[in-house]
Amino acid sequence: MKITIENQQRKIKINKLPLRKAARKILNVSGCPDAQLSILVVDDAQIQVINRDYLQRDKSTNVISFAMQEGEGAGVQPDLLGDVVISAETAMRDATEVGRSFESELYFLLLHGILHLLGYDHERGSQEDARQMEAREREIFAILAEMYGFEAI
């Protein structure tokens, strides 16, 4: 399992070790212990550019996933899942709004992004697909919450 983490923003401190541990746990409980994953933490301005340039949505967002097992070239490296891009600024705002810790929100967004890489889709799929993704999020997040001592969703 190879997990690469790059923090390109400087406004919010990111502790890479627990973030990597959370990613490993998510991949293990998802049946992907050998998966390769890239995590990029950016600010709102950076994620807006990525969202605009790659998804034609000219606004910031909390998390974007780029799956390597979809489209042209899928399957060339079966263990390479893809990239998860998270805006630390948006994560901090979202955490404050719902009364959670920043770390809790960060790990939730990581989980959400990884589930997208694994084929879960709440946006383009059916309502049943969205329910399945939410149920899986709750199930795995409960494990993370127990590991890190924060409240489950």
Protein backbone atom coordinates (compact mmCIF):
# COMPACT_ATOMS: atom_id res chain seq x y z
CA MET A 1 0.00 0.00 0.00
CA LYS A 2 1.44 3.34 -1.04
CA ILE A 3 -0.22 6.53 0.16
CA THR A 4 1.26 9.84 -0.94
CA ILE A 5 0.20 12.99 0.90
CA GLU A 6 1.04 16.49 -0.30
CA ASN A 7 -0.04 19.60 1.59
CA GLN A 8 0.03 22.61 -0.74
CA GLN A 9 -1.72 25.05 1.61
CA ARG A 10 -0.25 26.79 4.63
CA LYS A 11 -3.30 28.20 6.44
CA ILE A 12 -4.22 25.10 8.44
CA LYS A 13 -1.80 22.62 10.00
CA ILE A 14 -2.12 19.13 8.56
CA ASN A 15 -0.68 16.21 10.50
CA LYS A 16 0.18 13.68 7.80
CA LEU A 17 0.76 10.63 10.00
CA PRO A 18 -2.82 10.29 11.34
CA LEU A 19 -4.19 11.21 7.90
CA ARG A 20 -2.14 8.37 6.35
CA LYS A 21 -3.30 6.02 9.13
CA ALA A 22 -6.94 6.93 8.42
CA ALA A 23 -6.44 6.33 4.68
CA ARG A 24 -4.89 2.92 5.40
CA LYS A 25 -7.80 1.97 7.63
CA ILE A 26 -10.36 3.07 5.02
CA LEU A 27 -8.59 1.08 2.30
CA ASN A 28 -8.22 -2.01 4.51
CA VAL A 29 -11.87 -2.13 5.59
CA SER A 30 -12.84 -1.54 1.95
CA GLY A 31 -10.96 -4.64 0.85
CA CYS A 32 -8.15 -2.73 -0.88
CA PRO A 33 -5.09 -3.33 1.33
CA ASP A 34 -2.66 -3.02 -1.60
CA ALA A 35 -4.17 0.10 -3.13
CA GLN A 36 -2.13 3.14 -4.08
CA LEU A 37 -3.59 6.53 -3.31
CA SER A 38 -2.58 10.16 -3.60
CA ILE A 39 -3.97 12.76 -1.20
CA LEU A 40 -3.58 16.44 -2.01
CA VAL A 41 -4.58 19.10 0.54
CA VAL A 42 -5.11 22.56 -0.94
CA ASP A 43 -6.83 25.86 -0.16
CA ASP A 44 -10.12 27.13 -1.60
CA ALA A 45 -8.47 29.00 -4.47
CA GLN A 46 -6.55 25.91 -5.58
CA ILE A 47 -9.53 23.57 -5.44
CA GLN A 48 -11.61 26.10 -7.40
CA VAL A 49 -9.03 26.05 -10.20
CA ILE A 50 -8.97 22.23 -10.20
CA ASN A 51 -12.77 22.08 -10.14
CA ARG A 52 -13.00 24.59 -13.01
CA ASP A 53 -10.26 23.08 -15.17
CA TYR A 54 -11.18 19.41 -14.78
CA LEU A 55 -14.89 19.37 -13.95
CA GLN A 56 -16.06 22.66 -15.53
CA ARG A 57 -17.47 23.88 -12.19
CA ASP A 58 -16.03 27.32 -11.44
CA LYS A 59 -16.41 27.24 -7.66
CA SER A 60 -14.59 25.89 -4.64
CA THR A 61 -15.72 22.62 -3.09
CA ASN A 62 -14.69 20.41 -0.22
CA VAL A 63 -13.36 17.29 -1.97
CA ILE A 64 -12.72 16.05 -5.50
CA SER A 65 -11.71 12.53 -6.54
CA PHE A 66 -9.93 11.48 -9.70
CA ALA A 67 -10.31 7.75 -10.24
CA MET A 68 -7.63 5.89 -12.14
CA GLN A 69 -9.83 2.83 -12.61
CA GLU A 70 -12.35 4.62 -14.82
CA GLY A 71 -12.18 5.70 -18.44
CA GLU A 72 -9.29 5.29 -20.82
CA GLY A 73 -6.37 3.47 -19.24
CA ALA A 74 -8.44 1.83 -16.51
CA GLY A 75 -6.93 -1.40 -15.31
CA VAL A 76 -3.38 -0.66 -16.48
CA GLN A 77 -2.30 -0.51 -12.83
CA PRO A 78 -5.14 -2.18 -10.91
CA ASP A 79 -3.85 -1.14 -7.47
CA LEU A 80 -3.66 2.55 -8.41
CA LEU A 81 -6.97 3.97 -7.14
CA GLY A 82 -6.42 7.64 -7.88
CA ASP A 83 -6.26 11.04 -6.25
CA VAL A 84 -8.29 12.71 -3.53
CA VAL A 85 -8.06 16.50 -3.38
CA ILE A 86 -9.34 18.18 -0.21
CA SER A 87 -9.73 21.88 0.55
CA ALA A 88 -8.52 22.42 4.12
CA GLU A 89 -10.28 25.80 4.27
CA THR A 90 -13.66 24.35 3.31
CA ALA A 91 -13.14 21.44 5.69
CA MET A 92 -12.50 23.91 8.52
CA ARG A 93 -15.63 25.93 7.69
CA ASP A 94 -17.77 22.78 7.37
CA ALA A 95 -16.44 21.45 10.69
CA THR A 96 -17.25 24.72 12.44
CA GLU A 97 -20.78 24.79 10.97
CA VAL A 98 -21.65 21.30 12.23
CA GLY A 99 -19.71 21.52 15.51
CA ARG A 100 -17.08 18.90 14.68
CA SER A 101 -13.32 18.98 14.96
CA PHE A 102 -11.31 19.86 11.87
CA GLU A 103 -9.64 16.42 11.93
CA SER A 104 -13.02 14.69 12.04
CA GLU A 105 -14.18 16.63 8.98
CA LEU A 106 -10.88 16.08 7.17
CA TYR A 107 -11.07 12.30 7.67
CA PHE A 108 -14.72 12.28 6.63
CA LEU A 109 -13.85 14.08 3.39
CA LEU A 110 -11.00 11.63 2.82
CA LEU A 111 -13.43 8.74 3.31
CA HIS A 112 -15.96 10.35 0.97
CA GLY A 113 -13.30 10.84 -1.70
CA ILE A 114 -11.98 7.28 -1.41
CA LEU A 115 -15.50 5.86 -1.70
CA HIS A 116 -15.86 7.76 -4.96
CA LEU A 117 -12.61 6.17 -6.15
CA LEU A 118 -14.08 2.77 -5.26
CA GLY A 119 -17.10 3.40 -7.48
CA TYR A 120 -19.66 4.79 -5.05
CA ASP A 121 -21.59 7.69 -6.55
CA HIS A 122 -24.22 9.83 -4.87
CA GLU A 123 -24.32 12.45 -7.65
CA ARG A 124 -24.81 10.62 -10.94
CA GLY A 125 -26.31 7.44 -9.56
CA SER A 126 -29.78 6.61 -8.33
CA GLN A 127 -31.23 7.44 -4.92
CA GLU A 128 -30.43 3.87 -3.93
CA ASP A 129 -26.78 4.43 -4.93
CA ALA A 130 -26.72 7.54 -2.75
CA ARG A 131 -28.23 5.60 0.18
CA GLN A 132 -25.64 2.84 -0.23
CA MET A 133 -22.80 5.35 -0.24
CA GLU A 134 -24.15 7.13 2.84
CA ALA A 135 -24.56 3.82 4.68
CA ARG A 136 -20.98 2.84 3.82
CA GLU A 137 -19.74 6.26 4.94
CA ARG A 138 -21.48 5.86 8.30
CA GLU A 139 -20.14 2.34 8.74
CA ILE A 140 -16.51 3.21 8.00
CA PHE A 141 -16.63 6.59 9.73
CA ALA A 142 -17.77 4.86 12.93
CA ILE A 143 -14.52 2.86 12.80
CA LEU A 144 -12.48 6.04 12.29
CA ALA A 145 -14.38 7.82 15.08
CA GLU A 146 -13.54 5.01 17.48
CA MET A 147 -9.88 5.04 16.38
CA TYR A 148 -9.48 8.78 16.87
CA GLY A 149 -11.96 9.42 19.65
CA PHE A 150 -14.37 11.72 17.88
CA GLU A 151 -18.11 11.49 17.46
CA ALA A 152 -19.56 9.27 14.73
CA ILE A 153 -22.03 10.72 12.26
